[in-house]
Amino acid sequence: MVDTLDVFEALLSTAERLAKEINAKALVLVYPPAEDLEINFSGDIIIISRESEVSSKKEKKNNVKNLSFPVSIGLQNLLNLISAFLKSRGIADKNEFFVYVTNESVGVKRIEEKSSISDEFFEKFEKYSNVISRVLEIAIELSIEGREGMPVGTIFVIGDTKEVMKHSHQLVPNPFKGHNLNILDPKVKNVIKEFSFLDGAFIVSSKGRIIAAGRYLDVDPKSLDVSLPQGLGSRHLASAAITKVTKAVAITLSESGTVRIFKNGRIVFEYNPRLAINL
């Protein structure tokens, strides 16, 4: 019986040949089953994994970049993120290609002229990709599952904690005060879900520590000239505004199930897991 690693290595070999034939600018490995794979490609290699660290062997290679994206956003959204990343870092330009390999397939993606994901998304993402990735996973799960079967809407504000706290106040007693809980701890995920019913925002440090929940964001979108698509309410306006007055990233979950990421007062990522399920 052929195991997962054997299949992936066979697909990788095909991807390497394909990448060379079409002069692809990058080779992307999505959740490879092993760290010590031999990769025969001279261009940039992007490894999408659950962890931000790469093995010591790969760290010595300047052309290898390890990113942590949640596979739960769906392959197409994942490829769009990678495309935007390659373009923002000057690795590939519009109409150029990258080849990707998953545990089940090999494919080619063209870099589009207009990416649906802002390059600004990556300015902070590279610094604390695991934290953003974990918050995205939680937001996606809440979108699909809700809390006790009921739709949930909430905000996560990540990074620039001191400034975020200056521009916010507690609506309710902070359930995380005096506790040193980190969102990267798998056991904490259910704790977050339990408190997702609270009005206000979760405040998360760049290293993943949960500073507060039930936090009201004291920002005035009108005075900051924040403009969003019609139909988005106060939760999204507050998220946009807090990222305009601070260096934080905000991730919102609407009761309709849409997950949005805000940076510098603008939407830089948008995804609705419920729609993906119904396709």
C-alpha atoms as a PDB file:
ATOM      1  CA  MET A   1       0.000   0.000   0.000  1.00  0.00           C
ATOM      2  CA  VAL A   2       1.339   3.421  -0.987  1.00  0.00           C
ATOM      3  CA  ASP A   3       1.496   5.862   1.939  1.00  0.00           C
ATOM      4  CA  THR A   4       0.892   9.617   2.006  1.00  0.00           C
ATOM      5  CA  LEU A   5       4.594  10.489   1.896  1.00  0.00           C
ATOM      6  CA  ASP A   6       5.189   8.337  -1.195  1.00  0.00           C
ATOM      7  CA  VAL A   7       2.271   9.989  -2.986  1.00  0.00           C
ATOM      8  CA  PHE A   8       3.456  13.469  -2.049  1.00  0.00           C
ATOM      9  CA  GLU A   9       7.018  12.762  -3.212  1.00  0.00           C
ATOM     10  CA  ALA A  10       5.698  11.492  -6.557  1.00  0.00           C
ATOM     11  CA  LEU A  11       3.546  14.612  -6.966  1.00  0.00           C
ATOM     12  CA  LEU A  12       6.483  16.806  -5.925  1.00  0.00           C
ATOM     13  CA  SER A  13       8.658  15.250  -8.606  1.00  0.00           C
ATOM     14  CA  THR A  14       5.992  16.080 -11.202  1.00  0.00           C
ATOM     15  CA  ALA A  15       5.654  19.618  -9.814  1.00  0.00           C
ATOM     16  CA  GLU A  16       9.427  20.183 -10.019  1.00  0.00           C
ATOM     17  CA  ARG A  17       9.514  19.184 -13.697  1.00  0.00           C
ATOM     18  CA  LEU A  18       6.456  21.281 -14.482  1.00  0.00           C
ATOM     19  CA  ALA A  19       7.864  24.325 -12.693  1.00  0.00           C
ATOM     20  CA  LYS A  20      11.069  24.141 -14.731  1.00  0.00           C
ATOM     21  CA  GLU A  21       9.225  23.644 -18.029  1.00  0.00           C
ATOM     22  CA  ILE A  22       6.971  26.680 -17.620  1.00  0.00           C
ATOM     23  CA  ASN A  23       9.627  28.827 -15.909  1.00  0.00           C
ATOM     24  CA  ALA A  24       7.536  29.147 -12.751  1.00  0.00           C
ATOM     25  CA  LYS A  25       8.755  31.754 -10.299  1.00  0.00           C
ATOM     26  CA  ALA A  26       7.996  29.658  -7.229  1.00  0.00           C
ATOM     27  CA  LEU A  27       7.186  26.153  -6.099  1.00  0.00           C
ATOM     28  CA  VAL A  28       4.609  25.948  -3.307  1.00  0.00           C
ATOM     29  CA  LEU A  29       4.202  22.943  -1.006  1.00  0.00           C
ATOM     30  CA  VAL A  30       0.896  22.873   0.843  1.00  0.00           C
ATOM     31  CA  TYR A  31       1.061  21.040   4.176  1.00  0.00           C
ATOM     32  CA  PRO A  32       3.833  18.604   3.167  1.00  0.00           C
ATOM     33  CA  PRO A  33       3.806  15.381   5.214  1.00  0.00           C
ATOM     34  CA  ALA A  34       7.524  15.659   6.095  1.00  0.00           C
ATOM     35  CA  GLU A  35      10.135  18.370   6.716  1.00  0.00           C
ATOM     36  CA  ASP A  36      13.188  16.660   5.216  1.00  0.00           C
ATOM     37  CA  LEU A  37      11.961  16.438   1.628  1.00  0.00           C
ATOM     38  CA  GLU A  38      14.573  16.815  -1.103  1.00  0.00           C
ATOM     39  CA  ILE A  39      13.376  19.653  -3.331  1.00  0.00           C
ATOM     40  CA  ASN A  40      15.043  20.047  -6.726  1.00  0.00           C
ATOM     41  CA  PHE A  41      14.037  23.554  -7.692  1.00  0.00           C
ATOM     42  CA  SER A  42      16.361  26.552  -7.966  1.00  0.00           C
ATOM     43  CA  GLY A  43      13.658  29.217  -7.651  1.00  0.00           C
ATOM     44  CA  ASP A  44      11.774  30.350  -4.561  1.00  0.00           C
ATOM     45  CA  ILE A  45      10.178  27.603  -2.489  1.00  0.00           C
ATOM     46  CA  ILE A  46       7.172  28.405  -0.297  1.00  0.00           C
ATOM     47  CA  ILE A  47       6.129  25.884   2.338  1.00  0.00           C
ATOM     48  CA  ILE A  48       2.639  26.273   3.769  1.00  0.00           C
ATOM     49  CA  SER A  49       2.422  24.532   7.128  1.00  0.00           C
ATOM     50  CA  ARG A  50       0.751  24.566  10.512  1.00  0.00           C
ATOM     51  CA  GLU A  51       3.946  25.755  12.176  1.00  0.00           C
ATOM     52  CA  SER A  52       6.005  28.880  11.575  1.00  0.00           C
ATOM     53  CA  GLU A  53       9.349  27.169  12.189  1.00  0.00           C
ATOM     54  CA  VAL A  54      11.262  25.383   9.472  1.00  0.00           C
ATOM     55  CA  SER A  55      13.791  22.654  10.017  1.00  0.00           C
ATOM     56  CA  SER A  56      17.414  23.663  10.501  1.00  0.00           C
ATOM     57  CA  LYS A  57      18.165  22.176   7.095  1.00  0.00           C
ATOM     58  CA  LYS A  58      15.694  24.447   5.366  1.00  0.00           C
ATOM     59  CA  GLU A  59      16.611  27.518   7.386  1.00  0.00           C
ATOM     60  CA  LYS A  60      20.019  27.483   5.711  1.00  0.00           C
ATOM     61  CA  LYS A  61      18.430  27.902   2.297  1.00  0.00           C
ATOM     62  CA  ASN A  62      17.673  31.517   1.438  1.00  0.00           C
ATOM     63  CA  ASN A  63      15.173  30.531  -1.230  1.00  0.00           C
ATOM     64  CA  VAL A  64      12.884  28.687   1.231  1.00  0.00           C
ATOM     65  CA  LYS A  65      10.090  30.588   2.960  1.00  0.00           C
ATOM     66  CA  ASN A  66       7.773  28.989   5.500  1.00  0.00           C
ATOM     67  CA  LEU A  67       4.304  30.475   5.991  1.00  0.00           C
ATOM     68  CA  SER A  68       1.453  29.393   8.238  1.00  0.00           C
ATOM     69  CA  PHE A  69      -1.974  29.655   6.617  1.00  0.00           C
ATOM     70  CA  PRO A  70      -5.095  27.750   7.748  1.00  0.00           C
ATOM     71  CA  VAL A  71      -6.022  25.203   5.091  1.00  0.00           C
ATOM     72  CA  SER A  72      -9.626  25.546   6.297  1.00  0.00           C
ATOM     73  CA  ILE A  73     -10.029  28.715   4.206  1.00  0.00           C
ATOM     74  CA  GLY A  74     -10.165  26.508   1.126  1.00  0.00           C
ATOM     75  CA  LEU A  75      -7.570  25.881  -1.582  1.00  0.00           C
ATOM     76  CA  GLN A  76      -8.647  28.742  -3.850  1.00  0.00           C
ATOM     77  CA  ASN A  77      -8.424  31.310  -1.046  1.00  0.00           C
ATOM     78  CA  LEU A  78      -5.107  29.808   0.007  1.00  0.00           C
ATOM     79  CA  LEU A  79      -3.749  30.164  -3.534  1.00  0.00           C
ATOM     80  CA  ASN A  80      -4.951  33.755  -3.674  1.00  0.00           C
ATOM     81  CA  LEU A  81      -3.066  34.488  -0.454  1.00  0.00           C
ATOM     82  CA  ILE A  82       0.083  32.901  -1.847  1.00  0.00           C
ATOM     83  CA  SER A  83      -0.309  34.795  -5.106  1.00  0.00           C
ATOM     84  CA  ALA A  84      -0.620  38.090  -3.250  1.00  0.00           C
ATOM     85  CA  PHE A  85       2.381  37.207  -1.082  1.00  0.00           C
ATOM     86  CA  LEU A  86       4.607  36.398  -4.074  1.00  0.00           C
ATOM     87  CA  LYS A  87       3.592  39.603  -5.797  1.00  0.00           C
ATOM     88  CA  SER A  88       4.059  41.771  -2.697  1.00  0.00           C
ATOM     89  CA  ARG A  89       7.547  40.375  -2.112  1.00  0.00           C
ATOM     90  CA  GLY A  90       8.649  40.825  -5.714  1.00  0.00           C
ATOM     91  CA  ILE A  91       9.056  37.090  -6.244  1.00  0.00           C
ATOM     92  CA  ALA A  92       6.562  37.014  -9.115  1.00  0.00           C
ATOM     93  CA  ASP A  93       4.810  39.630 -11.193  1.00  0.00           C
ATOM     94  CA  LYS A  94       1.410  39.693 -12.885  1.00  0.00           C
ATOM     95  CA  ASN A  95       0.844  36.976 -15.480  1.00  0.00           C
ATOM     96  CA  GLU A  96       3.767  34.921 -14.166  1.00  0.00           C
ATOM     97  CA  PHE A  97       3.184  31.468 -12.702  1.00  0.00           C
ATOM     98  CA  PHE A  98       3.806  29.411  -9.617  1.00  0.00           C
ATOM     99  CA  VAL A  99       3.313  25.667  -9.265  1.00  0.00           C
ATOM    100  CA  TYR A 100       1.734  24.175  -6.169  1.00  0.00           C
ATOM    101  CA  VAL A 101       1.533  20.651  -4.822  1.00  0.00           C
ATOM    102  CA  THR A 102      -0.875  19.316  -2.201  1.00  0.00           C
ATOM    103  CA  ASN A 103      -1.271  15.812  -0.793  1.00  0.00           C
ATOM    104  CA  GLU A 104      -3.593  15.013  -3.688  1.00  0.00           C
ATOM    105  CA  SER A 105      -2.766  17.230  -6.645  1.00  0.00           C
ATOM    106  CA  VAL A 106      -0.377  19.396  -8.648  1.00  0.00           C
ATOM    107  CA  GLY A 107      -1.525  22.666 -10.160  1.00  0.00           C
ATOM    108  CA  VAL A 108      -0.495  25.950 -11.759  1.00  0.00           C
ATOM    109  CA  LYS A 109      -1.600  29.416 -10.642  1.00  0.00           C
ATOM    110  CA  ARG A 110      -1.152  32.621 -12.614  1.00  0.00           C
ATOM    111  CA  ILE A 111      -0.427  35.811 -10.687  1.00  0.00           C
ATOM    112  CA  GLU A 112      -3.395  38.079 -11.334  1.00  0.00           C
ATOM    113  CA  GLU A 113      -3.016  41.775 -12.053  1.00  0.00           C
ATOM    114  CA  LYS A 114      -5.449  42.709  -9.331  1.00  0.00           C
ATOM    115  CA  SER A 115      -5.276  40.609  -6.205  1.00  0.00           C
ATOM    116  CA  SER A 116      -8.343  40.431  -3.974  1.00  0.00           C
ATOM    117  CA  ILE A 117      -5.971  40.520  -1.012  1.00  0.00           C
ATOM    118  CA  SER A 118      -4.082  43.705  -0.194  1.00  0.00           C
ATOM    119  CA  ASP A 119      -0.292  43.573  -0.029  1.00  0.00           C
ATOM    120  CA  GLU A 120      -0.588  45.358   3.333  1.00  0.00           C
ATOM    121  CA  PHE A 121      -1.890  42.118   4.810  1.00  0.00           C
ATOM    122  CA  PHE A 122       1.626  40.691   4.754  1.00  0.00           C
ATOM    123  CA  GLU A 123       3.357  43.587   6.506  1.00  0.00           C
ATOM    124  CA  LYS A 124       2.218  42.231   9.869  1.00  0.00           C
ATOM    125  CA  PHE A 125       1.493  38.660   8.855  1.00  0.00           C
ATOM    126  CA  GLU A 126       5.151  37.680   8.524  1.00  0.00           C
ATOM    127  CA  LYS A 127       5.861  38.904  12.067  1.00  0.00           C
ATOM    128  CA  TYR A 128       3.154  36.848  13.766  1.00  0.00           C
ATOM    129  CA  SER A 129       1.686  34.576  11.146  1.00  0.00           C
ATOM    130  CA  ASN A 130       0.865  31.802  13.628  1.00  0.00           C
ATOM    131  CA  VAL A 131      -1.305  34.130  15.705  1.00  0.00           C
ATOM    132  CA  ILE A 132      -3.256  35.436  12.695  1.00  0.00           C
ATOM    133  CA  SER A 133      -3.549  31.905  11.346  1.00  0.00           C
ATOM    134  CA  ARG A 134      -4.932  30.604  14.658  1.00  0.00           C
ATOM    135  CA  VAL A 135      -7.437  33.463  14.947  1.00  0.00           C
ATOM    136  CA  LEU A 136      -8.563  32.783  11.371  1.00  0.00           C
ATOM    137  CA  GLU A 137      -9.079  29.119  12.246  1.00  0.00           C
ATOM    138  CA  ILE A 138     -11.176  30.032  15.283  1.00  0.00           C
ATOM    139  CA  ALA A 139     -13.212  32.595  13.337  1.00  0.00           C
ATOM    140  CA  ILE A 140     -13.859  30.069  10.554  1.00  0.00           C
ATOM    141  CA  GLU A 141     -14.958  27.400  13.024  1.00  0.00           C
ATOM    142  CA  LEU A 142     -17.267  29.878  14.768  1.00  0.00           C
ATOM    143  CA  SER A 143     -18.680  30.866  11.378  1.00  0.00           C
ATOM    144  CA  ILE A 144     -19.569  27.263  10.591  1.00  0.00           C
ATOM    145  CA  GLU A 145     -20.517  26.002  14.050  1.00  0.00           C
ATOM    146  CA  GLY A 146     -21.703  29.131  15.851  1.00  0.00           C
ATOM    147  CA  ARG A 147     -21.894  28.993  19.627  1.00  0.00           C
ATOM    148  CA  GLU A 148     -24.343  26.397  20.870  1.00  0.00           C
ATOM    149  CA  GLY A 149     -25.794  26.386  17.371  1.00  0.00           C
ATOM    150  CA  MET A 150     -26.433  30.146  17.286  1.00  0.00           C
ATOM    151  CA  PRO A 151     -24.685  32.607  14.912  1.00  0.00           C
ATOM    152  CA  VAL A 152     -21.844  34.583  16.461  1.00  0.00           C
ATOM    153  CA  GLY A 153     -20.363  37.977  15.606  1.00  0.00           C
ATOM    154  CA  THR A 154     -17.128  39.145  17.186  1.00  0.00           C
ATOM    155  CA  ILE A 155     -13.834  41.023  16.724  1.00  0.00           C
ATOM    156  CA  PHE A 156     -10.232  40.011  17.334  1.00  0.00           C
ATOM    157  CA  VAL A 157      -7.636  42.811  17.469  1.00  0.00           C
ATOM    158  CA  ILE A 158      -4.077  41.533  17.132  1.00  0.00           C
ATOM    159  CA  GLY A 159      -0.863  43.376  17.957  1.00  0.00           C
ATOM    160  CA  ASP A 160       0.116  46.928  19.055  1.00  0.00           C
ATOM    161  CA  THR A 161      -1.567  46.052  22.343  1.00  0.00           C
ATOM    162  CA  LYS A 162      -0.627  49.166  24.356  1.00  0.00           C
ATOM    163  CA  GLU A 163      -2.137  51.517  21.784  1.00  0.00           C
ATOM    164  CA  VAL A 164      -5.210  49.337  21.315  1.00  0.00           C
ATOM    165  CA  MET A 165      -5.848  49.352  25.065  1.00  0.00           C
ATOM    166  CA  LYS A 166      -5.532  53.160  25.094  1.00  0.00           C
ATOM    167  CA  HIS A 167      -8.248  53.357  22.452  1.00  0.00           C
ATOM    168  CA  SER A 168     -10.670  50.973  24.190  1.00  0.00           C
ATOM    169  CA  HIS A 169     -12.387  50.218  27.505  1.00  0.00           C
ATOM    170  CA  GLN A 170     -14.086  47.267  29.184  1.00  0.00           C
ATOM    171  CA  LEU A 171     -17.788  46.745  28.610  1.00  0.00           C
ATOM    172  CA  VAL A 172     -17.873  43.853  31.085  1.00  0.00           C
ATOM    173  CA  PRO A 173     -15.367  42.468  33.613  1.00  0.00           C
ATOM    174  CA  ASN A 174     -12.385  41.090  31.705  1.00  0.00           C
ATOM    175  CA  PRO A 175     -12.531  37.263  31.945  1.00  0.00           C
ATOM    176  CA  PHE A 176      -8.840  36.985  31.024  1.00  0.00           C
ATOM    177  CA  LYS A 177      -7.494  39.395  33.627  1.00  0.00           C
ATOM    178  CA  GLY A 178      -4.830  37.724  35.756  1.00  0.00           C
ATOM    179  CA  HIS A 179      -4.568  34.740  33.422  1.00  0.00           C
ATOM    180  CA  ASN A 180      -1.688  33.992  31.077  1.00  0.00           C
ATOM    181  CA  LEU A 181      -3.574  32.237  28.294  1.00  0.00           C
ATOM    182  CA  ASN A 182      -2.184  32.056  24.786  1.00  0.00           C
ATOM    183  CA  ILE A 183      -4.324  31.649  21.707  1.00  0.00           C
ATOM    184  CA  LEU A 184      -1.716  29.303  20.208  1.00  0.00           C
ATOM    185  CA  ASP A 185      -2.452  26.752  22.940  1.00  0.00           C
ATOM    186  CA  PRO A 186      -4.954  24.259  21.424  1.00  0.00           C
ATOM    187  CA  LYS A 187      -6.718  23.996  24.791  1.00  0.00           C
ATOM    188  CA  VAL A 188      -7.554  27.712  24.705  1.00  0.00           C
ATOM    189  CA  LYS A 189      -9.602  27.486  21.516  1.00  0.00           C
ATOM    190  CA  ASN A 190     -12.732  26.320  23.339  1.00  0.00           C
ATOM    191  CA  VAL A 191     -12.280  29.044  25.961  1.00  0.00           C
ATOM    192  CA  ILE A 192     -12.336  31.647  23.205  1.00  0.00           C
ATOM    193  CA  LYS A 193     -15.480  30.123  21.738  1.00  0.00           C
ATOM    194  CA  GLU A 194     -17.198  30.194  25.135  1.00  0.00           C
ATOM    195  CA  PHE A 195     -16.604  33.949  25.486  1.00  0.00           C
ATOM    196  CA  SER A 196     -17.443  34.769  21.861  1.00  0.00           C
ATOM    197  CA  PHE A 197     -20.959  35.786  22.921  1.00  0.00           C
ATOM    198  CA  LEU A 198     -19.601  38.856  24.750  1.00  0.00           C
ATOM    199  CA  ASP A 199     -20.103  42.244  23.147  1.00  0.00           C
ATOM    200  CA  GLY A 200     -16.894  43.978  22.205  1.00  0.00           C
ATOM    201  CA  ALA A 201     -13.539  42.701  21.038  1.00  0.00           C
ATOM    202  CA  PHE A 202     -10.885  40.189  22.002  1.00  0.00           C
ATOM    203  CA  ILE A 203      -7.481  41.857  22.387  1.00  0.00           C
ATOM    204  CA  VAL A 204      -4.584  39.561  21.474  1.00  0.00           C
ATOM    205  CA  SER A 205      -0.879  40.380  21.666  1.00  0.00           C
ATOM    206  CA  SER A 206       1.484  39.811  18.734  1.00  0.00           C
ATOM    207  CA  LYS A 207       2.786  36.717  20.559  1.00  0.00           C
ATOM    208  CA  GLY A 208      -0.710  35.304  21.067  1.00  0.00           C
ATOM    209  CA  ARG A 209      -1.448  36.208  24.682  1.00  0.00           C
ATOM    210  CA  ILE A 210      -5.130  36.994  25.224  1.00  0.00           C
ATOM    211  CA  ILE A 211      -5.133  40.351  26.972  1.00  0.00           C
ATOM    212  CA  ALA A 212      -8.877  40.956  27.198  1.00  0.00           C
ATOM    213  CA  ALA A 213     -12.354  40.144  25.931  1.00  0.00           C
ATOM    214  CA  GLY A 214     -15.496  42.258  26.002  1.00  0.00           C
ATOM    215  CA  ARG A 215     -13.489  45.340  25.059  1.00  0.00           C
ATOM    216  CA  TYR A 216     -15.251  48.347  23.477  1.00  0.00           C
ATOM    217  CA  LEU A 217     -13.197  50.103  20.794  1.00  0.00           C
ATOM    218  CA  ASP A 218     -13.201  53.873  21.407  1.00  0.00           C
ATOM    219  CA  VAL A 219     -12.728  54.981  17.832  1.00  0.00           C
ATOM    220  CA  ASP A 220     -14.823  57.283  15.672  1.00  0.00           C
ATOM    221  CA  PRO A 221     -14.888  56.033  12.064  1.00  0.00           C
ATOM    222  CA  LYS A 222     -16.379  59.321  10.809  1.00  0.00           C
ATOM    223  CA  SER A 223     -13.572  61.476  12.194  1.00  0.00           C
ATOM    224  CA  LEU A 224     -11.037  59.047  10.737  1.00  0.00           C
ATOM    225  CA  ASP A 225     -12.690  59.116   7.318  1.00  0.00           C
ATOM    226  CA  VAL A 226     -13.142  55.343   7.276  1.00  0.00           C
ATOM    227  CA  SER A 227     -15.177  54.177   4.316  1.00  0.00           C
ATOM    228  CA  LEU A 228     -16.446  50.615   3.874  1.00  0.00           C
ATOM    229  CA  PRO A 229     -18.791  48.867   1.434  1.00  0.00           C
ATOM    230  CA  GLN A 230     -22.463  49.549   2.012  1.00  0.00           C
ATOM    231  CA  GLY A 231     -24.177  47.146   4.377  1.00  0.00           C
ATOM    232  CA  LEU A 232     -21.323  46.679   6.829  1.00  0.00           C
ATOM    233  CA  GLY A 233     -22.232  47.770  10.345  1.00  0.00           C
ATOM    234  CA  SER A 234     -20.613  49.170  13.471  1.00  0.00           C
ATOM    235  CA  ARG A 235     -18.499  46.077  14.163  1.00  0.00           C
ATOM    236  CA  HIS A 236     -16.700  46.454  10.841  1.00  0.00           C
ATOM    237  CA  LEU A 237     -16.402  50.216  11.131  1.00  0.00           C
ATOM    238  CA  ALA A 238     -14.815  49.853  14.565  1.00  0.00           C
ATOM    239  CA  SER A 239     -12.408  47.217  13.227  1.00  0.00           C
ATOM    240  CA  ALA A 240     -11.388  49.445  10.346  1.00  0.00           C
ATOM    241  CA  ALA A 241     -10.970  52.452  12.630  1.00  0.00           C
ATOM    242  CA  ILE A 242      -8.830  50.714  15.271  1.00  0.00           C
ATOM    243  CA  THR A 243      -6.430  49.534  12.565  1.00  0.00           C
ATOM    244  CA  LYS A 244      -6.192  53.072  11.245  1.00  0.00           C
ATOM    245  CA  VAL A 245      -5.208  54.657  14.587  1.00  0.00           C
ATOM    246  CA  THR A 246      -2.926  51.762  15.638  1.00  0.00           C
ATOM    247  CA  LYS A 247      -0.609  49.257  13.951  1.00  0.00           C
ATOM    248  CA  ALA A 248      -2.911  46.373  14.844  1.00  0.00           C
ATOM    249  CA  VAL A 249      -4.673  43.899  12.576  1.00  0.00           C
ATOM    250  CA  ALA A 250      -8.373  43.230  13.189  1.00  0.00           C
ATOM    251  CA  ILE A 251     -10.292  40.096  12.246  1.00  0.00           C
ATOM    252  CA  THR A 252     -14.067  40.262  12.350  1.00  0.00           C
ATOM    253  CA  LEU A 253     -16.701  37.591  12.167  1.00  0.00           C
ATOM    254  CA  SER A 254     -20.167  38.747  11.177  1.00  0.00           C
ATOM    255  CA  GLU A 255     -23.321  36.875  12.108  1.00  0.00           C
ATOM    256  CA  SER A 256     -23.760  36.150   8.399  1.00  0.00           C
ATOM    257  CA  GLY A 257     -20.599  34.044   8.647  1.00  0.00           C
ATOM    258  CA  THR A 258     -18.194  36.291   6.716  1.00  0.00           C
ATOM    259  CA  VAL A 259     -14.668  36.625   8.055  1.00  0.00           C
ATOM    260  CA  ARG A 260     -12.834  39.859   7.224  1.00  0.00           C
ATOM    261  CA  ILE A 261      -9.336  41.082   8.016  1.00  0.00           C
ATOM    262  CA  PHE A 262      -8.628  44.810   8.403  1.00  0.00           C
ATOM    263  CA  LYS A 263      -5.301  46.619   8.139  1.00  0.00           C
ATOM    264  CA  ASN A 264      -4.692  50.383   7.937  1.00  0.00           C
ATOM    265  CA  GLY A 265      -8.421  51.059   7.922  1.00  0.00           C
ATOM    266  CA  ARG A 266      -9.191  48.822   4.946  1.00  0.00           C
ATOM    267  CA  ILE A 267     -10.471  45.311   4.245  1.00  0.00           C
ATOM    268  CA  VAL A 268      -7.535  43.199   3.065  1.00  0.00           C
ATOM    269  CA  PHE A 269      -9.125  39.741   3.174  1.00  0.00           C
ATOM    270  CA  GLU A 270     -12.707  38.471   2.969  1.00  0.00           C
ATOM    271  CA  TYR A 271     -14.045  34.917   3.128  1.00  0.00           C
ATOM    272  CA  ASN A 272     -17.349  33.230   3.991  1.00  0.00           C
ATOM    273  CA  PRO A 273     -16.854  29.570   5.018  1.00  0.00           C
ATOM    274  CA  ARG A 274     -20.597  28.904   4.933  1.00  0.00           C
ATOM    275  CA  LEU A 275     -20.755  29.688   1.221  1.00  0.00           C
ATOM    276  CA  ALA A 276     -17.813  27.369   0.577  1.00  0.00           C
ATOM    277  CA  ILE A 277     -19.672  24.522   2.312  1.00  0.00           C
ATOM    278  CA  ASN A 278     -22.754  25.063   0.176  1.00  0.00           C
ATOM    279  CA  LEU A 279     -20.866  24.946  -3.133  1.00  0.00           C
END
